[in-house]
Amino acid sequence: MQHFLRLAGFLRAAAGTEEEQAKNFQWGLRRLPMLLATMRSFMREMMRILSDRTS
């Protein structure tokens, strides 16, 4: 239990204040569409390469 409490204390300090957490969360939400588009493009390219290899 003591180990868990030390870990929880460390994570709380690393996460920052509530304002910092909210700011980082909003930043992540704004970047999410770009990340998803990049991943879709990457997966399409991988599927094309695999399809070319099997045909």
PDB file of N, CA and C in Angstrom:
ATOM      1  N   MET A   1       0.830  -1.201   0.000  1.00  0.00           N
ATOM      2  CA  MET A   1       0.000   0.000   0.000  1.00  0.00           C
ATOM      3  C   MET A   1       0.871   1.260   0.000  1.00  0.00           C
ATOM      4  N   GLN A   2       1.951   1.213   0.781  1.00  0.00           N
ATOM      5  CA  GLN A   2       2.848   2.366   0.846  1.00  0.00           C
ATOM      6  C   GLN A   2       3.461   2.660  -0.526  1.00  0.00           C
ATOM      7  N   HIS A   3       3.811   1.597  -1.244  1.00  0.00           N
ATOM      8  CA  HIS A   3       4.382   1.764  -2.587  1.00  0.00           C
ATOM      9  C   HIS A   3       3.374   2.459  -3.508  1.00  0.00           C
ATOM     10  N   PHE A   4       2.121   2.036  -3.436  1.00  0.00           N
ATOM     11  CA  PHE A   4       1.073   2.644  -4.260  1.00  0.00           C
ATOM     12  C   PHE A   4       0.917   4.127  -3.937  1.00  0.00           C
ATOM     13  N   LEU A   5       0.932   4.461  -2.656  1.00  0.00           N
ATOM     14  CA  LEU A   5       0.768   5.860  -2.263  1.00  0.00           C
ATOM     15  C   LEU A   5       1.939   6.717  -2.741  1.00  0.00           C
ATOM     16  N   ARG A   6       3.159   6.172  -2.702  1.00  0.00           N
ATOM     17  CA  ARG A   6       4.305   6.915  -3.217  1.00  0.00           C
ATOM     18  C   ARG A   6       4.172   7.128  -4.723  1.00  0.00           C
ATOM     19  N   LEU A   7       3.750   6.087  -5.432  1.00  0.00           N
ATOM     20  CA  LEU A   7       3.575   6.190  -6.879  1.00  0.00           C
ATOM     21  C   LEU A   7       2.482   7.199  -7.220  1.00  0.00           C
ATOM     22  N   ALA A   8       1.368   7.144  -6.514  1.00  0.00           N
ATOM     23  CA  ALA A   8       0.267   8.080  -6.763  1.00  0.00           C
ATOM     24  C   ALA A   8       0.715   9.516  -6.506  1.00  0.00           C
ATOM     25  N   GLY A   9       1.502   9.733  -5.462  1.00  0.00           N
ATOM     26  CA  GLY A   9       2.015  11.070  -5.170  1.00  0.00           C
ATOM     27  C   GLY A   9       2.931  11.573  -6.270  1.00  0.00           C
ATOM     28  N   PHE A  10       3.767  10.681  -6.794  1.00  0.00           N
ATOM     29  CA  PHE A  10       4.673  11.053  -7.879  1.00  0.00           C
ATOM     30  C   PHE A  10       3.883  11.418  -9.130  1.00  0.00           C
ATOM     31  N   LEU A  11       2.895  10.610  -9.465  1.00  0.00           N
ATOM     32  CA  LEU A  11       2.106  10.871 -10.669  1.00  0.00           C
ATOM     33  C   LEU A  11       1.323  12.167 -10.550  1.00  0.00           C
ATOM     34  N   ARG A  12       0.810  12.438  -9.375  1.00  0.00           N
ATOM     35  CA  ARG A  12       0.059  13.681  -9.177  1.00  0.00           C
ATOM     36  C   ARG A  12       0.979  14.881  -9.405  1.00  0.00           C
ATOM     37  N   ALA A  13       2.206  14.812  -8.888  1.00  0.00           N
ATOM     38  CA  ALA A  13       3.150  15.914  -9.070  1.00  0.00           C
ATOM     39  C   ALA A  13       3.542  16.049 -10.538  1.00  0.00           C
ATOM     40  N   ALA A  14       3.705  14.930 -11.231  1.00  0.00           N
ATOM     41  CA  ALA A  14       4.107  14.964 -12.638  1.00  0.00           C
ATOM     42  C   ALA A  14       2.988  15.490 -13.534  1.00  0.00           C
ATOM     43  N   ALA A  15       1.744  15.300 -13.122  1.00  0.00           N
ATOM     44  CA  ALA A  15       0.613  15.718 -13.949  1.00  0.00           C
ATOM     45  C   ALA A  15       0.413  17.224 -13.933  1.00  0.00           C
ATOM     46  N   GLY A  16       0.892  17.892 -12.903  1.00  0.00           N
ATOM     47  CA  GLY A  16       0.759  19.341 -12.827  1.00  0.00           C
ATOM     48  C   GLY A  16      -0.556  19.756 -12.184  1.00  0.00           C
ATOM     49  N   THR A  17      -0.807  21.042 -12.233  1.00  0.00           N
ATOM     50  CA  THR A  17      -2.027  21.578 -11.639  1.00  0.00           C
ATOM     51  C   THR A  17      -3.231  21.238 -12.515  1.00  0.00           C
ATOM     52  N   GLU A  18      -4.403  21.493 -11.992  1.00  0.00           N
ATOM     53  CA  GLU A  18      -5.621  21.237 -12.772  1.00  0.00           C
ATOM     54  C   GLU A  18      -5.640  22.087 -14.044  1.00  0.00           C
ATOM     55  N   GLU A  19      -5.160  23.323 -13.947  1.00  0.00           N
ATOM     56  CA  GLU A  19      -5.127  24.192 -15.128  1.00  0.00           C
ATOM     57  C   GLU A  19      -4.177  23.638 -16.191  1.00  0.00           C
ATOM     58  N   GLU A  20      -3.006  23.146 -15.755  1.00  0.00           N
ATOM     59  CA  GLU A  20      -2.052  22.572 -16.711  1.00  0.00           C
ATOM     60  C   GLU A  20      -2.617  21.316 -17.357  1.00  0.00           C
ATOM     61  N   GLN A  21      -3.290  20.488 -16.556  1.00  0.00           N
ATOM     62  CA  GLN A  21      -3.890  19.274 -17.098  1.00  0.00           C
ATOM     63  C   GLN A  21      -4.958  19.616 -18.129  1.00  0.00           C
ATOM     64  N   ALA A  22      -5.798  20.602 -17.827  1.00  0.00           N
ATOM     65  CA  ALA A  22      -6.853  21.006 -18.765  1.00  0.00           C
ATOM     66  C   ALA A  22      -6.247  21.553 -20.053  1.00  0.00           C
ATOM     67  N   LYS A  23      -5.188  22.348 -19.919  1.00  0.00           N
ATOM     68  CA  LYS A  23      -4.522  22.911 -21.096  1.00  0.00           C
ATOM     69  C   LYS A  23      -3.934  21.799 -21.964  1.00  0.00           C
ATOM     70  N   ASN A  24      -3.275  20.826 -21.344  1.00  0.00           N
ATOM     71  CA  ASN A  24      -2.692  19.716 -22.097  1.00  0.00           C
ATOM     72  C   ASN A  24      -3.770  18.857 -22.749  1.00  0.00           C
ATOM     73  N   PHE A  25      -4.886  18.660 -22.066  1.00  0.00           N
ATOM     74  CA  PHE A  25      -5.985  17.869 -22.615  1.00  0.00           C
ATOM     75  C   PHE A  25      -6.566  18.564 -23.845  1.00  0.00           C
ATOM     76  N   GLN A  26      -6.771  19.866 -23.754  1.00  0.00           N
ATOM     77  CA  GLN A  26      -7.302  20.622 -24.888  1.00  0.00           C
ATOM     78  C   GLN A  26      -6.320  20.600 -26.051  1.00  0.00           C
ATOM     79  N   TRP A  27      -5.022  20.703 -25.770  1.00  0.00           N
ATOM     80  CA  TRP A  27      -3.997  20.637 -26.812  1.00  0.00           C
ATOM     81  C   TRP A  27      -4.089  19.294 -27.520  1.00  0.00           C
ATOM     82  N   GLY A  28      -4.240  18.216 -26.742  1.00  0.00           N
ATOM     83  CA  GLY A  28      -4.343  16.883 -27.327  1.00  0.00           C
ATOM     84  C   GLY A  28      -5.573  16.731 -28.205  1.00  0.00           C
ATOM     85  N   LEU A  29      -6.682  17.295 -27.764  1.00  0.00           N
ATOM     86  CA  LEU A  29      -7.909  17.213 -28.563  1.00  0.00           C
ATOM     87  C   LEU A  29      -7.770  17.957 -29.887  1.00  0.00           C
ATOM     88  N   ARG A  30      -7.068  19.081 -29.872  1.00  0.00           N
ATOM     89  CA  ARG A  30      -6.865  19.830 -31.122  1.00  0.00           C
ATOM     90  C   ARG A  30      -5.958  19.066 -32.077  1.00  0.00           C
ATOM     91  N   ARG A  31      -5.022  18.288 -31.549  1.00  0.00           N
ATOM     92  CA  ARG A  31      -4.074  17.555 -32.391  1.00  0.00           C
ATOM     93  C   ARG A  31      -4.614  16.195 -32.835  1.00  0.00           C
ATOM     94  N   LEU A  32      -5.666  15.723 -32.217  1.00  0.00           N
ATOM     95  CA  LEU A  32      -6.195  14.393 -32.504  1.00  0.00           C
ATOM     96  C   LEU A  32      -6.586  14.199 -33.968  1.00  0.00           C
ATOM     97  N   PRO A  33      -7.315  15.110 -34.615  1.00  0.00           N
ATOM     98  CA  PRO A  33      -7.673  14.894 -36.028  1.00  0.00           C
ATOM     99  C   PRO A  33      -6.447  14.728 -36.928  1.00  0.00           C
ATOM    100  N   MET A  34      -5.401  15.505 -36.675  1.00  0.00           N
ATOM    101  CA  MET A  34      -4.185  15.391 -37.478  1.00  0.00           C
ATOM    102  C   MET A  34      -3.529  14.022 -37.258  1.00  0.00           C
ATOM    103  N   LEU A  35      -3.486  13.571 -36.023  1.00  0.00           N
ATOM    104  CA  LEU A  35      -2.898  12.272 -35.713  1.00  0.00           C
ATOM    105  C   LEU A  35      -3.690  11.145 -36.371  1.00  0.00           C
ATOM    106  N   LEU A  36      -5.009  11.216 -36.299  1.00  0.00           N
ATOM    107  CA  LEU A  36      -5.844  10.179 -36.909  1.00  0.00           C
ATOM    108  C   LEU A  36      -5.682  10.155 -38.426  1.00  0.00           C
ATOM    109  N   ALA A  37      -5.604  11.318 -39.051  1.00  0.00           N
ATOM    110  CA  ALA A  37      -5.411  11.381 -40.504  1.00  0.00           C
ATOM    111  C   ALA A  37      -4.068  10.778 -40.892  1.00  0.00           C
ATOM    112  N   THR A  38      -3.039  11.045 -40.107  1.00  0.00           N
ATOM    113  CA  THR A  38      -1.716  10.480 -40.373  1.00  0.00           C
ATOM    114  C   THR A  38      -1.746   8.968 -40.250  1.00  0.00           C
ATOM    115  N   MET A  39      -2.401   8.465 -39.213  1.00  0.00           N
ATOM    116  CA  MET A  39      -2.479   7.018 -39.013  1.00  0.00           C
ATOM    117  C   MET A  39      -3.278   6.353 -40.128  1.00  0.00           C
ATOM    118  N   ARG A  40      -4.376   6.977 -40.556  1.00  0.00           N
ATOM    119  CA  ARG A  40      -5.164   6.403 -41.656  1.00  0.00           C
ATOM    120  C   ARG A  40      -4.338   6.341 -42.931  1.00  0.00           C
ATOM    121  N   SER A  41      -3.585   7.397 -43.207  1.00  0.00           N
ATOM    122  CA  SER A  41      -2.737   7.424 -44.392  1.00  0.00           C
ATOM    123  C   SER A  41      -1.677   6.329 -44.317  1.00  0.00           C
ATOM    124  N   PHE A  42      -1.071   6.177 -43.172  1.00  0.00           N
ATOM    125  CA  PHE A  42      -0.056   5.147 -42.968  1.00  0.00           C
ATOM    126  C   PHE A  42      -0.655   3.755 -43.169  1.00  0.00           C
ATOM    127  N   MET A  43      -1.833   3.516 -42.599  1.00  0.00           N
ATOM    128  CA  MET A  43      -2.467   2.198 -42.717  1.00  0.00           C
ATOM    129  C   MET A  43      -2.871   1.917 -44.165  1.00  0.00           C
ATOM    130  N   ARG A  44      -3.373   2.938 -44.881  1.00  0.00           N
ATOM    131  CA  ARG A  44      -3.711   2.751 -46.293  1.00  0.00           C
ATOM    132  C   ARG A  44      -2.484   2.341 -47.096  1.00  0.00           C
ATOM    133  N   GLU A  45      -1.369   3.008 -46.841  1.00  0.00           N
ATOM    134  CA  GLU A  45      -0.128   2.696 -47.549  1.00  0.00           C
ATOM    135  C   GLU A  45       0.342   1.279 -47.221  1.00  0.00           C
ATOM    136  N   MET A  46       0.244   0.891 -45.967  1.00  0.00           N
ATOM    137  CA  MET A  46       0.645  -0.464 -45.572  1.00  0.00           C
ATOM    138  C   MET A  46      -0.245  -1.510 -46.246  1.00  0.00           C
ATOM    139  N   MET A  47      -1.545  -1.256 -46.308  1.00  0.00           N
ATOM    140  CA  MET A  47      -2.460  -2.195 -46.953  1.00  0.00           C
ATOM    141  C   MET A  47      -2.163  -2.286 -48.448  1.00  0.00           C
ATOM    142  N   ARG A  48      -1.824  -1.159 -49.074  1.00  0.00           N
ATOM    143  CA  ARG A  48      -1.480  -1.171 -50.491  1.00  0.00           C
ATOM    144  C   ARG A  48      -0.225  -2.006 -50.731  1.00  0.00           C
ATOM    145  N   ILE A  49       0.769  -1.838 -49.900  1.00  0.00           N
ATOM    146  CA  ILE A  49       2.017  -2.596 -50.042  1.00  0.00           C
ATOM    147  C   ILE A  49       1.761  -4.083 -49.856  1.00  0.00           C
ATOM    148  N   LEU A  50       0.994  -4.431 -48.831  1.00  0.00           N
ATOM    149  CA  LEU A  50       0.691  -5.846 -48.591  1.00  0.00           C
ATOM    150  C   LEU A  50      -0.131  -6.436 -49.723  1.00  0.00           C
ATOM    151  N   SER A  51      -1.057  -5.655 -50.257  1.00  0.00           N
ATOM    152  CA  SER A  51      -1.882  -6.122 -51.363  1.00  0.00           C
ATOM    153  C   SER A  51      -1.026  -6.363 -52.603  1.00  0.00           C
ATOM    154  N   ASP A  52      -0.079  -5.467 -52.868  1.00  0.00           N
ATOM    155  CA  ASP A  52       0.813  -5.626 -54.020  1.00  0.00           C
ATOM    156  C   ASP A  52       1.680  -6.875 -53.886  1.00  0.00           C
ATOM    157  N   ARG A  53       2.077  -7.198 -52.687  1.00  0.00           N
ATOM    158  CA  ARG A  53       2.933  -8.368 -52.463  1.00  0.00           C
ATOM    159  C   ARG A  53       2.182  -9.677 -52.671  1.00  0.00           C
ATOM    160  N   THR A  54       0.901  -9.685 -52.359  1.00  0.00           N
ATOM    161  CA  THR A  54       0.129 -10.927 -52.460  1.00  0.00           C
ATOM    162  C   THR A  54      -0.436 -11.155 -53.853  1.00  0.00           C
ATOM    163  N   SER A  55      -0.440 -10.137 -54.695  1.00  0.00           N
ATOM    164  CA  SER A  55      -1.018 -10.331 -56.034  1.00  0.00           C
ATOM    165  C   SER A  55       0.036 -10.627 -57.067  1.00  0.00           C
TER     166      SER A  55
END
